[in-house]
Amino acid sequence: MSSPELYPGDIELSATEVGRDLLLLITGGARHIGAASTAYLDAGDVKVTTSAVPHHKEHTISESIAMRVATALHRTVTVVMGIHYDHLTKEGIAQVVEIVNFKVDQYLFGQNLKR
């Protein structure tokens, strides 16, 4: 799987309302499905379940994002994530995580403005 160079504009977050619930799709580079995490409210707590494709690492990010967004918006949230860039260094991985978190922050800020 060949992938383009990493740059912030290549990583995309799209949101789809599914009734009261929310689906976030986060992709970049060679887009694919690497993990899906669903966070939901259960007796006042936020719980999460995750399904990851073997040999993919997106679950390490999707799980925390699903929990963060579900907590902030008080709704069930599923995050489907697939980001791949060839030969990323540890610094490159940290940059991907930073970009993803920034895009999630932007999304949540926009949701707070709507309230």
N, C-alpha and C. Protein backbone atom coordinates (compact mmCIF):
# COMPACT_ATOMS: atom_id res chain seq x y z
N MET A 1 0.85 -1.16 0.00
CA MET A 1 0.00 0.00 0.00
C MET A 1 0.90 1.22 0.00
N SER A 2 0.84 2.00 -1.04
CA SER A 2 1.64 3.21 -1.15
C SER A 2 0.82 4.39 -0.67
N SER A 3 1.47 5.33 -0.03
CA SER A 3 0.73 6.45 0.53
C SER A 3 1.47 7.76 0.27
N PRO A 4 0.72 8.85 0.19
CA PRO A 4 1.34 10.15 -0.05
C PRO A 4 2.10 10.63 1.18
N GLU A 5 2.76 11.75 1.03
CA GLU A 5 3.47 12.37 2.15
C GLU A 5 2.46 12.89 3.17
N LEU A 6 2.88 12.89 4.42
CA LEU A 6 2.04 13.37 5.50
C LEU A 6 1.99 14.90 5.47
N TYR A 7 0.79 15.45 5.45
CA TYR A 7 0.59 16.87 5.68
C TYR A 7 -0.80 17.03 6.27
N PRO A 8 -0.99 18.07 7.11
CA PRO A 8 -2.24 18.18 7.88
C PRO A 8 -3.52 18.13 7.05
N GLY A 9 -3.51 18.72 5.86
CA GLY A 9 -4.71 18.76 5.05
C GLY A 9 -5.13 17.42 4.49
N ASP A 10 -4.24 16.46 4.51
CA ASP A 10 -4.54 15.13 3.98
C ASP A 10 -5.40 14.31 4.95
N ILE A 11 -5.31 14.60 6.23
CA ILE A 11 -6.09 13.87 7.23
C ILE A 11 -7.45 14.54 7.33
N GLU A 12 -8.51 13.74 7.13
CA GLU A 12 -9.87 14.27 7.08
C GLU A 12 -10.73 13.67 8.17
N LEU A 13 -11.61 14.50 8.72
CA LEU A 13 -12.62 14.05 9.68
C LEU A 13 -13.97 14.43 9.09
N SER A 14 -14.84 13.44 8.94
CA SER A 14 -16.20 13.72 8.50
C SER A 14 -17.16 13.17 9.55
N ALA A 15 -18.27 13.88 9.72
CA ALA A 15 -19.26 13.51 10.74
C ALA A 15 -20.59 13.25 10.06
N THR A 16 -21.25 12.17 10.48
CA THR A 16 -22.57 11.83 9.98
C THR A 16 -23.49 11.59 11.17
N GLU A 17 -24.59 12.33 11.21
CA GLU A 17 -25.60 12.13 12.23
C GLU A 17 -26.36 10.84 11.89
N VAL A 18 -26.51 9.97 12.87
CA VAL A 18 -27.25 8.73 12.68
C VAL A 18 -28.33 8.74 13.77
N GLY A 19 -29.44 9.42 13.48
CA GLY A 19 -30.45 9.63 14.51
C GLY A 19 -29.84 10.49 15.60
N ARG A 20 -29.91 10.02 16.83
CA ARG A 20 -29.31 10.74 17.95
C ARG A 20 -27.81 10.47 18.05
N ASP A 21 -27.34 9.43 17.40
CA ASP A 21 -25.95 9.01 17.49
C ASP A 21 -25.08 9.74 16.45
N LEU A 22 -23.77 9.51 16.56
CA LEU A 22 -22.83 10.20 15.69
C LEU A 22 -21.78 9.22 15.18
N LEU A 23 -21.49 9.32 13.89
CA LEU A 23 -20.43 8.53 13.26
C LEU A 23 -19.35 9.48 12.79
N LEU A 24 -18.13 9.28 13.28
CA LEU A 24 -16.98 10.06 12.82
C LEU A 24 -16.08 9.15 11.99
N LEU A 25 -15.74 9.60 10.80
CA LEU A 25 -14.82 8.88 9.92
C LEU A 25 -13.55 9.71 9.83
N ILE A 26 -12.43 9.12 10.22
CA ILE A 26 -11.15 9.83 10.22
C ILE A 26 -10.18 9.03 9.36
N THR A 27 -9.71 9.65 8.26
CA THR A 27 -8.85 8.95 7.32
C THR A 27 -7.71 9.86 6.87
N GLY A 28 -6.67 9.23 6.34
CA GLY A 28 -5.56 9.98 5.79
C GLY A 28 -4.59 9.04 5.10
N GLY A 29 -3.78 9.61 4.21
CA GLY A 29 -2.81 8.80 3.47
C GLY A 29 -3.53 7.78 2.62
N ALA A 30 -3.12 6.52 2.73
CA ALA A 30 -3.81 5.43 2.05
C ALA A 30 -5.00 5.06 2.94
N ARG A 31 -6.16 5.57 2.59
CA ARG A 31 -7.36 5.43 3.42
C ARG A 31 -7.84 3.98 3.46
N HIS A 32 -8.32 3.58 4.64
CA HIS A 32 -8.81 2.21 4.83
C HIS A 32 -9.57 2.17 6.15
N ILE A 33 -10.02 1.00 6.54
CA ILE A 33 -10.63 0.83 7.86
C ILE A 33 -9.65 0.02 8.70
N GLY A 34 -9.12 0.66 9.74
CA GLY A 34 -8.16 0.00 10.62
C GLY A 34 -8.76 -0.35 11.96
N ALA A 35 -9.75 0.48 12.40
CA ALA A 35 -10.38 0.25 13.70
C ALA A 35 -11.70 0.99 13.76
N ALA A 36 -12.58 0.48 14.60
CA ALA A 36 -13.86 1.15 14.88
C ALA A 36 -14.08 1.08 16.39
N SER A 37 -14.35 2.23 16.99
CA SER A 37 -14.60 2.31 18.43
C SER A 37 -15.94 2.98 18.66
N THR A 38 -16.76 2.39 19.51
CA THR A 38 -18.05 2.96 19.87
C THR A 38 -18.05 3.25 21.36
N ALA A 39 -18.31 4.52 21.69
CA ALA A 39 -18.42 4.93 23.09
C ALA A 39 -19.88 5.28 23.35
N TYR A 40 -20.36 4.88 24.53
CA TYR A 40 -21.77 5.08 24.85
C TYR A 40 -21.91 5.34 26.35
N LEU A 41 -23.01 5.98 26.72
CA LEU A 41 -23.29 6.27 28.12
C LEU A 41 -23.99 5.08 28.74
N ASP A 42 -23.53 4.69 29.93
CA ASP A 42 -24.11 3.56 30.65
C ASP A 42 -24.17 3.92 32.13
N ALA A 43 -25.37 4.26 32.60
CA ALA A 43 -25.57 4.64 34.00
C ALA A 43 -24.63 5.75 34.44
N GLY A 44 -24.48 6.74 33.57
CA GLY A 44 -23.66 7.90 33.91
C GLY A 44 -22.19 7.77 33.56
N ASP A 45 -21.74 6.58 33.22
CA ASP A 45 -20.35 6.36 32.82
C ASP A 45 -20.27 6.25 31.31
N VAL A 46 -19.11 6.54 30.77
CA VAL A 46 -18.88 6.33 29.34
C VAL A 46 -18.06 5.05 29.20
N LYS A 47 -18.59 4.13 28.39
CA LYS A 47 -17.90 2.87 28.12
C LYS A 47 -17.59 2.82 26.63
N VAL A 48 -16.62 2.01 26.28
CA VAL A 48 -16.21 1.94 24.88
C VAL A 48 -15.93 0.49 24.50
N THR A 49 -16.30 0.15 23.28
CA THR A 49 -15.93 -1.13 22.69
C THR A 49 -15.20 -0.84 21.38
N THR A 50 -14.20 -1.65 21.09
CA THR A 50 -13.37 -1.41 19.91
C THR A 50 -13.15 -2.69 19.14
N SER A 51 -13.17 -2.56 17.83
CA SER A 51 -12.82 -3.66 16.94
C SER A 51 -11.67 -3.16 16.06
N ALA A 52 -10.57 -3.90 16.05
CA ALA A 52 -9.40 -3.49 15.28
C ALA A 52 -9.03 -4.57 14.27
N VAL A 53 -8.63 -4.15 13.10
CA VAL A 53 -8.13 -5.07 12.08
C VAL A 53 -6.72 -5.49 12.51
N PRO A 54 -6.41 -6.78 12.44
CA PRO A 54 -5.07 -7.21 12.84
C PRO A 54 -3.97 -6.44 12.10
N HIS A 55 -2.91 -6.14 12.82
CA HIS A 55 -1.72 -5.45 12.30
C HIS A 55 -1.96 -3.97 12.03
N HIS A 56 -3.06 -3.43 12.53
CA HIS A 56 -3.35 -2.00 12.43
C HIS A 56 -3.29 -1.41 13.83
N LYS A 57 -3.00 -0.12 13.90
CA LYS A 57 -2.82 0.50 15.22
C LYS A 57 -3.78 1.65 15.48
N GLU A 58 -4.74 1.86 14.59
CA GLU A 58 -5.66 2.99 14.76
C GLU A 58 -6.46 2.92 16.06
N HIS A 59 -6.67 1.72 16.58
CA HIS A 59 -7.46 1.58 17.81
C HIS A 59 -6.84 2.34 18.98
N THR A 60 -5.54 2.56 18.93
CA THR A 60 -4.89 3.30 20.02
C THR A 60 -5.33 4.76 20.05
N ILE A 61 -5.88 5.24 18.94
CA ILE A 61 -6.37 6.62 18.87
C ILE A 61 -7.90 6.64 18.86
N SER A 62 -8.52 5.75 18.10
CA SER A 62 -9.98 5.79 17.93
C SER A 62 -10.73 5.63 19.24
N GLU A 63 -10.20 4.81 20.13
CA GLU A 63 -10.86 4.55 21.40
C GLU A 63 -10.95 5.82 22.26
N SER A 64 -9.84 6.52 22.39
CA SER A 64 -9.84 7.73 23.22
C SER A 64 -10.67 8.84 22.59
N ILE A 65 -10.67 8.92 21.26
CA ILE A 65 -11.48 9.95 20.60
C ILE A 65 -12.96 9.66 20.80
N ALA A 66 -13.37 8.41 20.63
CA ALA A 66 -14.78 8.06 20.83
C ALA A 66 -15.22 8.41 22.24
N MET A 67 -14.39 8.09 23.22
CA MET A 67 -14.74 8.40 24.61
C MET A 67 -14.82 9.92 24.84
N ARG A 68 -13.87 10.64 24.29
CA ARG A 68 -13.84 12.10 24.48
C ARG A 68 -15.06 12.76 23.86
N VAL A 69 -15.41 12.37 22.65
CA VAL A 69 -16.55 12.99 21.96
C VAL A 69 -17.87 12.59 22.62
N ALA A 70 -18.01 11.31 23.00
CA ALA A 70 -19.23 10.86 23.67
C ALA A 70 -19.42 11.60 24.99
N THR A 71 -18.34 11.81 25.72
CA THR A 71 -18.41 12.55 26.99
C THR A 71 -18.80 14.00 26.76
N ALA A 72 -18.21 14.62 25.76
CA ALA A 72 -18.47 16.03 25.48
C ALA A 72 -19.89 16.28 24.97
N LEU A 73 -20.39 15.35 24.14
CA LEU A 73 -21.69 15.57 23.49
C LEU A 73 -22.83 14.78 24.12
N HIS A 74 -22.52 13.92 25.07
CA HIS A 74 -23.53 13.11 25.77
C HIS A 74 -24.37 12.31 24.79
N ARG A 75 -23.68 11.59 23.91
CA ARG A 75 -24.37 10.74 22.94
C ARG A 75 -23.46 9.59 22.54
N THR A 76 -24.03 8.58 21.92
CA THR A 76 -23.24 7.46 21.43
C THR A 76 -22.45 7.92 20.20
N VAL A 77 -21.18 7.57 20.19
CA VAL A 77 -20.28 7.99 19.11
C VAL A 77 -19.48 6.79 18.64
N THR A 78 -19.48 6.58 17.33
CA THR A 78 -18.60 5.57 16.72
C THR A 78 -17.56 6.29 15.89
N VAL A 79 -16.30 5.94 16.12
CA VAL A 79 -15.18 6.48 15.34
C VAL A 79 -14.62 5.35 14.50
N VAL A 80 -14.64 5.55 13.19
CA VAL A 80 -14.02 4.61 12.26
C VAL A 80 -12.77 5.31 11.74
N MET A 81 -11.64 4.65 11.87
CA MET A 81 -10.38 5.30 11.53
C MET A 81 -9.50 4.41 10.67
N GLY A 82 -8.87 5.05 9.68
CA GLY A 82 -7.90 4.37 8.84
C GLY A 82 -6.93 5.36 8.24
N ILE A 83 -5.73 5.40 8.77
CA ILE A 83 -4.69 6.32 8.31
C ILE A 83 -3.43 5.50 8.08
N HIS A 84 -2.83 5.65 6.89
CA HIS A 84 -1.59 4.94 6.63
C HIS A 84 -0.65 5.80 5.79
N TYR A 85 0.57 5.94 6.30
CA TYR A 85 1.66 6.56 5.56
C TYR A 85 2.84 5.60 5.65
N ASP A 86 3.51 5.37 4.54
CA ASP A 86 4.66 4.48 4.53
C ASP A 86 5.82 5.08 5.34
N HIS A 87 6.49 4.22 6.08
CA HIS A 87 7.76 4.55 6.74
C HIS A 87 7.67 5.73 7.72
N LEU A 88 6.59 5.82 8.48
CA LEU A 88 6.49 6.89 9.47
C LEU A 88 7.45 6.63 10.64
N THR A 89 8.12 7.66 11.06
CA THR A 89 8.96 7.59 12.26
C THR A 89 8.08 7.79 13.49
N LYS A 90 8.65 7.64 14.67
CA LYS A 90 7.90 7.92 15.89
C LYS A 90 7.43 9.37 15.90
N GLU A 91 8.26 10.27 15.39
CA GLU A 91 7.88 11.68 15.31
C GLU A 91 6.72 11.87 14.34
N GLY A 92 6.74 11.12 13.25
CA GLY A 92 5.64 11.19 12.28
C GLY A 92 4.34 10.67 12.86
N ILE A 93 4.41 9.60 13.62
CA ILE A 93 3.22 9.06 14.28
C ILE A 93 2.68 10.08 15.27
N ALA A 94 3.57 10.70 16.04
CA ALA A 94 3.14 11.74 16.99
C ALA A 94 2.48 12.90 16.26
N GLN A 95 2.99 13.24 15.08
CA GLN A 95 2.40 14.32 14.29
C GLN A 95 1.00 13.94 13.81
N VAL A 96 0.82 12.69 13.38
CA VAL A 96 -0.51 12.22 12.98
C VAL A 96 -1.49 12.33 14.14
N VAL A 97 -1.08 11.86 15.31
CA VAL A 97 -1.95 11.93 16.50
C VAL A 97 -2.30 13.38 16.82
N GLU A 98 -1.32 14.26 16.73
CA GLU A 98 -1.55 15.68 17.00
C GLU A 98 -2.55 16.28 16.01
N ILE A 99 -2.40 15.96 14.74
CA ILE A 99 -3.31 16.48 13.71
C ILE A 99 -4.72 15.95 13.95
N VAL A 100 -4.85 14.65 14.23
CA VAL A 100 -6.16 14.06 14.47
C VAL A 100 -6.82 14.73 15.68
N ASN A 101 -6.08 14.88 16.76
CA ASN A 101 -6.64 15.51 17.96
C ASN A 101 -7.04 16.96 17.69
N PHE A 102 -6.27 17.67 16.91
CA PHE A 102 -6.62 19.05 16.54
C PHE A 102 -7.93 19.08 15.76
N LYS A 103 -8.08 18.17 14.81
CA LYS A 103 -9.32 18.13 14.01
C LYS A 103 -10.52 17.76 14.87
N VAL A 104 -10.34 16.86 15.84
CA VAL A 104 -11.42 16.53 16.76
C VAL A 104 -11.75 17.75 17.62
N ASP A 105 -10.74 18.47 18.10
CA ASP A 105 -10.97 19.69 18.87
C ASP A 105 -11.77 20.71 18.05
N GLN A 106 -11.40 20.88 16.79
CA GLN A 106 -12.13 21.80 15.91
C GLN A 106 -13.59 21.37 15.78
N TYR A 107 -13.82 20.09 15.59
CA TYR A 107 -15.18 19.58 15.45
C TYR A 107 -15.98 19.87 16.73
N LEU A 108 -15.41 19.56 17.88
CA LEU A 108 -16.12 19.78 19.14
C LEU A 108 -16.37 21.27 19.38
N PHE A 109 -15.44 22.10 19.02
CA PHE A 109 -15.62 23.55 19.17
C PHE A 109 -16.82 24.00 18.32
N GLY A 110 -16.91 23.49 17.09
CA GLY A 110 -18.05 23.82 16.22
C GLY A 110 -19.36 23.34 16.79
N GLN A 111 -19.37 22.18 17.43
CA GLN A 111 -20.59 21.66 18.04
C GLN A 111 -21.01 22.52 19.22
N ASN A 112 -20.05 22.99 20.01
CA ASN A 112 -20.36 23.86 21.14
C ASN A 112 -20.93 25.19 20.69
N LEU A 113 -20.48 25.68 19.52
CA LEU A 113 -21.02 26.93 18.99
C LEU A 113 -22.48 26.78 18.58
N LYS A 114 -22.88 25.57 18.19
CA LYS A 114 -24.26 25.33 17.77
C LYS A 114 -25.23 25.28 18.94
N ARG A 115 -24.71 25.05 20.14
CA ARG A 115 -25.59 24.90 21.31
C ARG A 115 -26.10 26.22 21.79
